[in-house]
Amino acid sequence: MTTEAHVEPTGPAIDGRAVINRRSSLSDDVFDAVMALIMNGEIPPGERVSIDALARQLDVSPTPVREALARLESDGLVVKRALQGYRTTPLLTISEVHELFEMRHVLEPSAARLAAERADNDEVATIQAEADAPLSLVDGSHYDGYKALCQQDDRFHRCIAHASHNPMLAEAFGRMHAHLHLFRLYVPGAGTGPTRVEHHRIAEAIAARDGDRAAAAMASHLDSSQRRLVDGLRAAGVARKAR
């Protein structure tokens, strides 16, 4: 059954329908609106997504909704199945979270090492700037409250992946990282203080062009992130069931 989730209007309501702001392009606004529905759990993990229903909720044609879902599929937040349409990606089980971090351990310390060896000065400066960005939450109970945190954390890790100058590595990282954002709804703000310290250690090692130290700092960060996330998920009682 399709979830007819309530959409918090980002603009004035017309005839009781949610209206999205036309801040930039319609495609971007619809993408943001659909992502917020998913990240807030208003379209639950594993739920069928109706293009027509979303179009009615957002007061747009189906075309930008299809475009948004295609982008979300590339980010790993929805999946498309033949003859079934789109579904939101199911939450990972705790066992699968461990598997995800095993994959991160394969990719990200190597990315940090390569970034230390290959990044140009502008890329190093960008990584340092992202590490310096504040990691604070206004309201961790809702996606709008931790959206900035998600985006900043994602930018930091993506900057390192791209600075490795290995496009295949960067692409693999991009699909993998999307899963983590869904969990922030259940573990809001977990470890933001330690995360910033850990990001600084990684950035400093990359700036020093010390590949071994950068890889070790990234591995340590991943170990700590995994521990914080799994502890939070267990406390919240999620990710225990099979998909």
C-alpha atoms as a PDB file:
ATOM      1  CA  MET A   1       0.000   0.000   0.000  1.00  0.00           C
ATOM      2  CA  THR A   2       1.376   3.378  -0.946  1.00  0.00           C
ATOM      3  CA  THR A   3       1.991   5.766   1.916  1.00  0.00           C
ATOM      4  CA  GLU A   4       0.124   9.015   1.477  1.00  0.00           C
ATOM      5  CA  ALA A   5       2.567  10.925   3.642  1.00  0.00           C
ATOM      6  CA  HIS A   6       1.854  14.433   4.756  1.00  0.00           C
ATOM      7  CA  VAL A   7       4.183  16.964   3.170  1.00  0.00           C
ATOM      8  CA  GLU A   8       5.062  19.986   5.228  1.00  0.00           C
ATOM      9  CA  PRO A   9       4.579  22.849   2.770  1.00  0.00           C
ATOM     10  CA  THR A  10       7.676  24.851   2.070  1.00  0.00           C
ATOM     11  CA  GLY A  11       5.521  27.529   0.519  1.00  0.00           C
ATOM     12  CA  PRO A  12       1.917  28.706   0.900  1.00  0.00           C
ATOM     13  CA  ALA A  13      -0.830  26.096   0.678  1.00  0.00           C
ATOM     14  CA  ILE A  14      -3.334  26.272  -2.159  1.00  0.00           C
ATOM     15  CA  ASP A  15      -6.636  24.423  -1.738  1.00  0.00           C
ATOM     16  CA  GLY A  16      -5.062  22.326   1.017  1.00  0.00           C
ATOM     17  CA  ARG A  17      -2.230  21.070  -1.193  1.00  0.00           C
ATOM     18  CA  ALA A  18       1.454  21.374  -0.330  1.00  0.00           C
ATOM     19  CA  VAL A  19       3.341  23.814  -2.516  1.00  0.00           C
ATOM     20  CA  ILE A  20       7.095  23.657  -2.854  1.00  0.00           C
ATOM     21  CA  ASN A  21       9.206  26.786  -3.077  1.00  0.00           C
ATOM     22  CA  ARG A  22      10.598  27.669  -6.472  1.00  0.00           C
ATOM     23  CA  ARG A  23      14.006  28.531  -5.020  1.00  0.00           C
ATOM     24  CA  SER A  24      16.088  27.308  -7.924  1.00  0.00           C
ATOM     25  CA  SER A  25      14.888  24.774 -10.476  1.00  0.00           C
ATOM     26  CA  LEU A  26      11.660  22.819 -10.150  1.00  0.00           C
ATOM     27  CA  SER A  27      13.638  19.583 -10.488  1.00  0.00           C
ATOM     28  CA  ASP A  28      15.864  20.487  -7.529  1.00  0.00           C
ATOM     29  CA  ASP A  29      12.902  21.531  -5.379  1.00  0.00           C
ATOM     30  CA  VAL A  30      11.020  18.302  -6.064  1.00  0.00           C
ATOM     31  CA  PHE A  31      14.176  16.307  -5.348  1.00  0.00           C
ATOM     32  CA  ASP A  32      14.574  18.064  -1.988  1.00  0.00           C
ATOM     33  CA  ALA A  33      10.904  17.532  -1.112  1.00  0.00           C
ATOM     34  CA  VAL A  34      10.916  13.806  -1.935  1.00  0.00           C
ATOM     35  CA  MET A  35      14.215  13.285  -0.135  1.00  0.00           C
ATOM     36  CA  ALA A  36      12.797  14.976   2.974  1.00  0.00           C
ATOM     37  CA  LEU A  37       9.798  12.616   2.903  1.00  0.00           C
ATOM     38  CA  ILE A  38      12.135   9.633   2.791  1.00  0.00           C
ATOM     39  CA  MET A  39      14.603  10.924   5.360  1.00  0.00           C
ATOM     40  CA  ASN A  40      11.830  11.830   7.796  1.00  0.00           C
ATOM     41  CA  GLY A  41      10.344   8.348   7.477  1.00  0.00           C
ATOM     42  CA  GLU A  42       7.087   9.740   6.096  1.00  0.00           C
ATOM     43  CA  ILE A  43       7.648   7.310   3.244  1.00  0.00           C
ATOM     44  CA  PRO A  44       8.970   4.413   5.350  1.00  0.00           C
ATOM     45  CA  PRO A  45      11.970   2.269   4.362  1.00  0.00           C
ATOM     46  CA  GLY A  46      10.923  -0.508   1.967  1.00  0.00           C
ATOM     47  CA  GLU A  47       7.667   1.244   1.018  1.00  0.00           C
ATOM     48  CA  ARG A  48       6.337   1.479  -2.536  1.00  0.00           C
ATOM     49  CA  VAL A  49       6.587   4.998  -3.954  1.00  0.00           C
ATOM     50  CA  SER A  50       3.761   6.212  -6.192  1.00  0.00           C
ATOM     51  CA  ILE A  51       4.832   8.788  -8.757  1.00  0.00           C
ATOM     52  CA  ASP A  52       1.258   9.979  -9.290  1.00  0.00           C
ATOM     53  CA  ALA A  53       0.583  10.315  -5.559  1.00  0.00           C
ATOM     54  CA  LEU A  54       3.755  12.338  -5.023  1.00  0.00           C
ATOM     55  CA  ALA A  55       2.914  14.549  -7.995  1.00  0.00           C
ATOM     56  CA  ARG A  56      -0.494  15.315  -6.458  1.00  0.00           C
ATOM     57  CA  GLN A  57       1.012  16.018  -3.036  1.00  0.00           C
ATOM     58  CA  LEU A  58       3.618  18.387  -4.428  1.00  0.00           C
ATOM     59  CA  ASP A  59       1.256  19.950  -6.983  1.00  0.00           C
ATOM     60  CA  VAL A  60       3.572  19.199  -9.907  1.00  0.00           C
ATOM     61  CA  SER A  61       3.473  17.012 -12.986  1.00  0.00           C
ATOM     62  CA  PRO A  62       4.848  13.450 -12.797  1.00  0.00           C
ATOM     63  CA  THR A  63       7.929  14.380 -14.853  1.00  0.00           C
ATOM     64  CA  PRO A  64       9.975  16.141 -12.124  1.00  0.00           C
ATOM     65  CA  VAL A  65       8.964  13.404  -9.679  1.00  0.00           C
ATOM     66  CA  ARG A  66      10.369  10.768 -12.040  1.00  0.00           C
ATOM     67  CA  GLU A  67      13.548  12.840 -12.368  1.00  0.00           C
ATOM     68  CA  ALA A  68      13.831  13.114  -8.582  1.00  0.00           C
ATOM     69  CA  LEU A  69      13.380   9.370  -8.112  1.00  0.00           C
ATOM     70  CA  ALA A  70      16.021   8.641 -10.754  1.00  0.00           C
ATOM     71  CA  ARG A  71      18.464  10.857  -8.844  1.00  0.00           C
ATOM     72  CA  LEU A  72      17.531   9.224  -5.552  1.00  0.00           C
ATOM     73  CA  GLU A  73      18.079   5.811  -7.138  1.00  0.00           C
ATOM     74  CA  SER A  74      21.608   6.815  -8.106  1.00  0.00           C
ATOM     75  CA  ASP A  75      22.136   7.898  -4.478  1.00  0.00           C
ATOM     76  CA  GLY A  76      20.875   4.539  -3.225  1.00  0.00           C
ATOM     77  CA  LEU A  77      17.816   5.909  -1.401  1.00  0.00           C
ATOM     78  CA  VAL A  78      15.253   4.250  -3.680  1.00  0.00           C
ATOM     79  CA  VAL A  79      15.358   1.132  -5.837  1.00  0.00           C
ATOM     80  CA  LYS A  80      13.509   0.472  -9.081  1.00  0.00           C
ATOM     81  CA  ARG A  81      12.248  -2.997  -9.867  1.00  0.00           C
ATOM     82  CA  ALA A  82      10.888  -4.240 -13.178  1.00  0.00           C
ATOM     83  CA  LEU A  83       7.076  -4.094 -13.340  1.00  0.00           C
ATOM     84  CA  GLN A  84       6.936  -2.897  -9.718  1.00  0.00           C
ATOM     85  CA  GLY A  85       8.162   0.688  -9.877  1.00  0.00           C
ATOM     86  CA  TYR A  86      10.087   2.404  -7.107  1.00  0.00           C
ATOM     87  CA  ARG A  87      10.469   1.483  -3.461  1.00  0.00           C
ATOM     88  CA  THR A  88      12.409   3.233  -0.754  1.00  0.00           C
ATOM     89  CA  THR A  89      15.582   1.408   0.190  1.00  0.00           C
ATOM     90  CA  PRO A  90      15.055  -0.838   3.237  1.00  0.00           C
ATOM     91  CA  LEU A  91      17.011  -0.057   6.382  1.00  0.00           C
ATOM     92  CA  LEU A  92      20.051  -2.226   6.769  1.00  0.00           C
ATOM     93  CA  THR A  93      20.146  -4.758   9.563  1.00  0.00           C
ATOM     94  CA  ILE A  94      22.905  -4.403  12.156  1.00  0.00           C
ATOM     95  CA  SER A  95      24.702  -7.270  10.422  1.00  0.00           C
ATOM     96  CA  GLU A  96      24.509  -5.365   7.144  1.00  0.00           C
ATOM     97  CA  VAL A  97      25.775  -2.205   8.853  1.00  0.00           C
ATOM     98  CA  HIS A  98      28.875  -4.187   9.819  1.00  0.00           C
ATOM     99  CA  GLU A  99      29.213  -5.307   6.204  1.00  0.00           C
ATOM    100  CA  LEU A 100      28.833  -1.719   5.022  1.00  0.00           C
ATOM    101  CA  PHE A 101      31.634  -0.582   7.308  1.00  0.00           C
ATOM    102  CA  GLU A 102      33.800  -3.467   6.126  1.00  0.00           C
ATOM    103  CA  MET A 103      33.392  -2.026   2.635  1.00  0.00           C
ATOM    104  CA  ARG A 104      34.126   1.481   3.889  1.00  0.00           C
ATOM    105  CA  HIS A 105      37.318   0.140   5.467  1.00  0.00           C
ATOM    106  CA  VAL A 106      38.340  -1.233   2.083  1.00  0.00           C
ATOM    107  CA  LEU A 107      37.698   2.036   0.248  1.00  0.00           C
ATOM    108  CA  GLU A 108      38.116   5.055   2.498  1.00  0.00           C
ATOM    109  CA  PRO A 109      41.536   4.571   4.132  1.00  0.00           C
ATOM    110  CA  SER A 110      42.875   3.983   0.618  1.00  0.00           C
ATOM    111  CA  ALA A 111      41.098   7.126  -0.568  1.00  0.00           C
ATOM    112  CA  ALA A 112      42.666   9.130   2.284  1.00  0.00           C
ATOM    113  CA  ARG A 113      46.111   7.741   1.483  1.00  0.00           C
ATOM    114  CA  LEU A 114      45.743   8.570  -2.215  1.00  0.00           C
ATOM    115  CA  ALA A 115      44.387  12.034  -1.414  1.00  0.00           C
ATOM    116  CA  ALA A 116      47.469  12.742   0.693  1.00  0.00           C
ATOM    117  CA  GLU A 117      49.622  11.717  -2.253  1.00  0.00           C
ATOM    118  CA  ARG A 118      47.620  13.132  -5.172  1.00  0.00           C
ATOM    119  CA  ALA A 119      45.400  16.019  -4.069  1.00  0.00           C
ATOM    120  CA  ASP A 120      46.286  19.439  -5.421  1.00  0.00           C
ATOM    121  CA  ASN A 121      46.511  22.428  -3.098  1.00  0.00           C
ATOM    122  CA  ASP A 122      42.953  23.551  -3.802  1.00  0.00           C
ATOM    123  CA  GLU A 123      41.590  20.103  -2.969  1.00  0.00           C
ATOM    124  CA  VAL A 124      43.559  20.021   0.277  1.00  0.00           C
ATOM    125  CA  ALA A 125      42.202  23.460   1.183  1.00  0.00           C
ATOM    126  CA  THR A 126      38.646  22.271   0.501  1.00  0.00           C
ATOM    127  CA  ILE A 127      39.100  19.193   2.689  1.00  0.00           C
ATOM    128  CA  GLN A 128      40.463  21.359   5.497  1.00  0.00           C
ATOM    129  CA  ALA A 129      37.575  23.807   5.146  1.00  0.00           C
ATOM    130  CA  GLU A 130      35.039  20.990   5.409  1.00  0.00           C
ATOM    131  CA  ALA A 131      36.806  19.652   8.497  1.00  0.00           C
ATOM    132  CA  ASP A 132      36.570  23.140  10.054  1.00  0.00           C
ATOM    133  CA  ALA A 133      32.847  23.483   9.332  1.00  0.00           C
ATOM    134  CA  PRO A 134      30.721  23.325  12.499  1.00  0.00           C
ATOM    135  CA  LEU A 135      28.853  20.095  13.135  1.00  0.00           C
ATOM    136  CA  SER A 136      25.834  21.171  15.151  1.00  0.00           C
ATOM    137  CA  LEU A 137      22.168  20.207  15.242  1.00  0.00           C
ATOM    138  CA  VAL A 138      19.222  22.525  15.574  1.00  0.00           C
ATOM    139  CA  ASP A 139      16.700  19.712  15.986  1.00  0.00           C
ATOM    140  CA  GLY A 140      17.822  16.143  15.425  1.00  0.00           C
ATOM    141  CA  SER A 141      14.299  14.727  15.525  1.00  0.00           C
ATOM    142  CA  HIS A 142      13.461  15.888  11.995  1.00  0.00           C
ATOM    143  CA  TYR A 143      15.385  15.870   8.727  1.00  0.00           C
ATOM    144  CA  ASP A 144      15.448  19.665   8.462  1.00  0.00           C
ATOM    145  CA  GLY A 145      17.235  19.745  11.801  1.00  0.00           C
ATOM    146  CA  TYR A 146      20.127  17.509  10.778  1.00  0.00           C
ATOM    147  CA  LYS A 147      20.157  18.058   7.005  1.00  0.00           C
ATOM    148  CA  ALA A 148      23.161  20.390   7.270  1.00  0.00           C
ATOM    149  CA  LEU A 149      25.048  17.795   9.309  1.00  0.00           C
ATOM    150  CA  CYS A 150      24.348  15.078   6.728  1.00  0.00           C
ATOM    151  CA  GLN A 151      25.437  17.328   3.896  1.00  0.00           C
ATOM    152  CA  GLN A 152      28.632  18.478   5.601  1.00  0.00           C
ATOM    153  CA  ASP A 153      29.682  14.961   6.575  1.00  0.00           C
ATOM    154  CA  ASP A 154      28.927  13.744   3.057  1.00  0.00           C
ATOM    155  CA  ARG A 155      30.906  16.604   1.494  1.00  0.00           C
ATOM    156  CA  PHE A 156      33.940  15.895   3.669  1.00  0.00           C
ATOM    157  CA  HIS A 157      34.111  12.239   2.715  1.00  0.00           C
ATOM    158  CA  ARG A 158      33.267  12.909  -0.936  1.00  0.00           C
ATOM    159  CA  CYS A 159      36.016  15.543  -1.145  1.00  0.00           C
ATOM    160  CA  ILE A 160      38.533  12.964   0.005  1.00  0.00           C
ATOM    161  CA  ALA A 161      37.190  10.343  -2.387  1.00  0.00           C
ATOM    162  CA  HIS A 162      37.434  12.752  -5.325  1.00  0.00           C
ATOM    163  CA  ALA A 163      40.867  13.973  -4.230  1.00  0.00           C
ATOM    164  CA  SER A 164      42.081  10.389  -4.570  1.00  0.00           C
ATOM    165  CA  HIS A 165      41.850  10.985  -8.329  1.00  0.00           C
ATOM    166  CA  ASN A 166      40.383   7.516  -8.746  1.00  0.00           C
ATOM    167  CA  PRO A 167      36.926   7.975 -10.332  1.00  0.00           C
ATOM    168  CA  MET A 168      35.873   4.367  -9.767  1.00  0.00           C
ATOM    169  CA  LEU A 169      36.654   4.631  -6.063  1.00  0.00           C
ATOM    170  CA  ALA A 170      34.727   7.908  -5.791  1.00  0.00           C
ATOM    171  CA  GLU A 171      31.685   6.428  -7.546  1.00  0.00           C
ATOM    172  CA  ALA A 172      31.650   3.358  -5.303  1.00  0.00           C
ATOM    173  CA  PHE A 173      31.832   5.567  -2.225  1.00  0.00           C
ATOM    174  CA  GLY A 174      28.920   7.733  -3.388  1.00  0.00           C
ATOM    175  CA  ARG A 175      26.434   4.860  -3.551  1.00  0.00           C
ATOM    176  CA  MET A 176      27.621   3.357  -0.299  1.00  0.00           C
ATOM    177  CA  HIS A 177      27.390   6.487   1.823  1.00  0.00           C
ATOM    178  CA  ALA A 178      23.690   7.185   1.197  1.00  0.00           C
ATOM    179  CA  HIS A 179      22.619   4.343   3.492  1.00  0.00           C
ATOM    180  CA  LEU A 180      24.113   6.064   6.513  1.00  0.00           C
ATOM    181  CA  HIS A 181      21.900   9.136   6.283  1.00  0.00           C
ATOM    182  CA  LEU A 182      18.715   7.150   6.862  1.00  0.00           C
ATOM    183  CA  PHE A 183      20.035   6.078  10.243  1.00  0.00           C
ATOM    184  CA  ARG A 184      20.477   9.651  11.449  1.00  0.00           C
ATOM    185  CA  LEU A 185      16.713   9.805  11.947  1.00  0.00           C
ATOM    186  CA  TYR A 186      17.110   7.129  14.615  1.00  0.00           C
ATOM    187  CA  VAL A 187      20.457   8.245  16.042  1.00  0.00           C
ATOM    188  CA  PRO A 188      20.253  12.053  15.677  1.00  0.00           C
ATOM    189  CA  GLY A 189      23.456  13.906  16.383  1.00  0.00           C
ATOM    190  CA  ALA A 190      25.335  10.870  17.623  1.00  0.00           C
ATOM    191  CA  GLY A 191      28.950  11.758  18.203  1.00  0.00           C
ATOM    192  CA  THR A 192      29.061  15.097  16.422  1.00  0.00           C
ATOM    193  CA  GLY A 193      31.847  16.300  18.739  1.00  0.00           C
ATOM    194  CA  PRO A 194      34.091  13.256  18.204  1.00  0.00           C
ATOM    195  CA  THR A 195      33.322  13.339  14.481  1.00  0.00           C
ATOM    196  CA  ARG A 196      34.717  16.847  14.119  1.00  0.00           C
ATOM    197  CA  VAL A 197      37.912  15.935  15.984  1.00  0.00           C
ATOM    198  CA  GLU A 198      38.319  12.837  13.820  1.00  0.00           C
ATOM    199  CA  HIS A 199      37.742  14.815  10.613  1.00  0.00           C
ATOM    200  CA  HIS A 200      40.445  17.265  11.691  1.00  0.00           C
ATOM    201  CA  ARG A 201      42.958  14.461  12.194  1.00  0.00           C
ATOM    202  CA  ILE A 202      42.277  13.116   8.715  1.00  0.00           C
ATOM    203  CA  ALA A 203      42.488  16.564   7.110  1.00  0.00           C
ATOM    204  CA  GLU A 204      45.716  17.400   8.913  1.00  0.00           C
ATOM    205  CA  ALA A 205      47.335  14.174   7.748  1.00  0.00           C
ATOM    206  CA  ILE A 206      46.277  14.807   4.149  1.00  0.00           C
ATOM    207  CA  ALA A 207      47.582  18.395   4.327  1.00  0.00           C
ATOM    208  CA  ALA A 208      50.887  17.042   5.661  1.00  0.00           C
ATOM    209  CA  ARG A 209      51.016  14.685   2.659  1.00  0.00           C
ATOM    210  CA  ASP A 210      51.370  11.775   5.068  1.00  0.00           C
ATOM    211  CA  GLY A 211      49.547   8.898   3.380  1.00  0.00           C
ATOM    212  CA  ASP A 212      50.109   6.371   6.165  1.00  0.00           C
ATOM    213  CA  ARG A 213      48.811   8.734   8.848  1.00  0.00           C
ATOM    214  CA  ALA A 214      45.831   9.744   6.695  1.00  0.00           C
ATOM    215  CA  ALA A 215      44.861   6.114   6.139  1.00  0.00           C
ATOM    216  CA  ALA A 216      45.229   5.307   9.837  1.00  0.00           C
ATOM    217  CA  ALA A 217      43.197   8.363  10.868  1.00  0.00           C
ATOM    218  CA  MET A 218      40.419   7.399   8.467  1.00  0.00           C
ATOM    219  CA  ALA A 219      40.391   3.801   9.711  1.00  0.00           C
ATOM    220  CA  SER A 220      40.163   5.016  13.310  1.00  0.00           C
ATOM    221  CA  HIS A 221      37.310   7.376  12.381  1.00  0.00           C
ATOM    222  CA  LEU A 222      35.406   4.551  10.708  1.00  0.00           C
ATOM    223  CA  ASP A 223      35.842   2.302  13.754  1.00  0.00           C
ATOM    224  CA  SER A 224      34.490   5.036  16.025  1.00  0.00           C
ATOM    225  CA  SER A 225      31.628   5.914  13.662  1.00  0.00           C
ATOM    226  CA  GLN A 226      30.578   2.287  13.397  1.00  0.00           C
ATOM    227  CA  ARG A 227      30.603   1.852  17.168  1.00  0.00           C
ATOM    228  CA  ARG A 228      28.541   5.009  17.740  1.00  0.00           C
ATOM    229  CA  LEU A 229      26.054   4.096  15.032  1.00  0.00           C
ATOM    230  CA  VAL A 230      25.527   0.485  16.097  1.00  0.00           C
ATOM    231  CA  ASP A 231      25.209   1.473  19.766  1.00  0.00           C
ATOM    232  CA  GLY A 232      22.626   4.075  18.831  1.00  0.00           C
ATOM    233  CA  LEU A 233      20.679   1.709  16.610  1.00  0.00           C
ATOM    234  CA  ARG A 234      20.567  -0.939  19.304  1.00  0.00           C
ATOM    235  CA  ALA A 235      19.389   1.618  21.840  1.00  0.00           C
ATOM    236  CA  ALA A 236      16.681   2.757  19.422  1.00  0.00           C
ATOM    237  CA  GLY A 237      15.652  -0.841  18.687  1.00  0.00           C
ATOM    238  CA  VAL A 238      16.000  -0.547  14.912  1.00  0.00           C
ATOM    239  CA  ALA A 239      17.855  -2.490  12.203  1.00  0.00           C
ATOM    240  CA  ARG A 240      17.382  -5.796  13.979  1.00  0.00           C
ATOM    241  CA  LYS A 241      14.931  -7.433  11.620  1.00  0.00           C
ATOM    242  CA  ALA A 242      15.845  -9.077   8.354  1.00  0.00           C
ATOM    243  CA  ARG A 243      15.105  -7.061   5.261  1.00  0.00           C
END
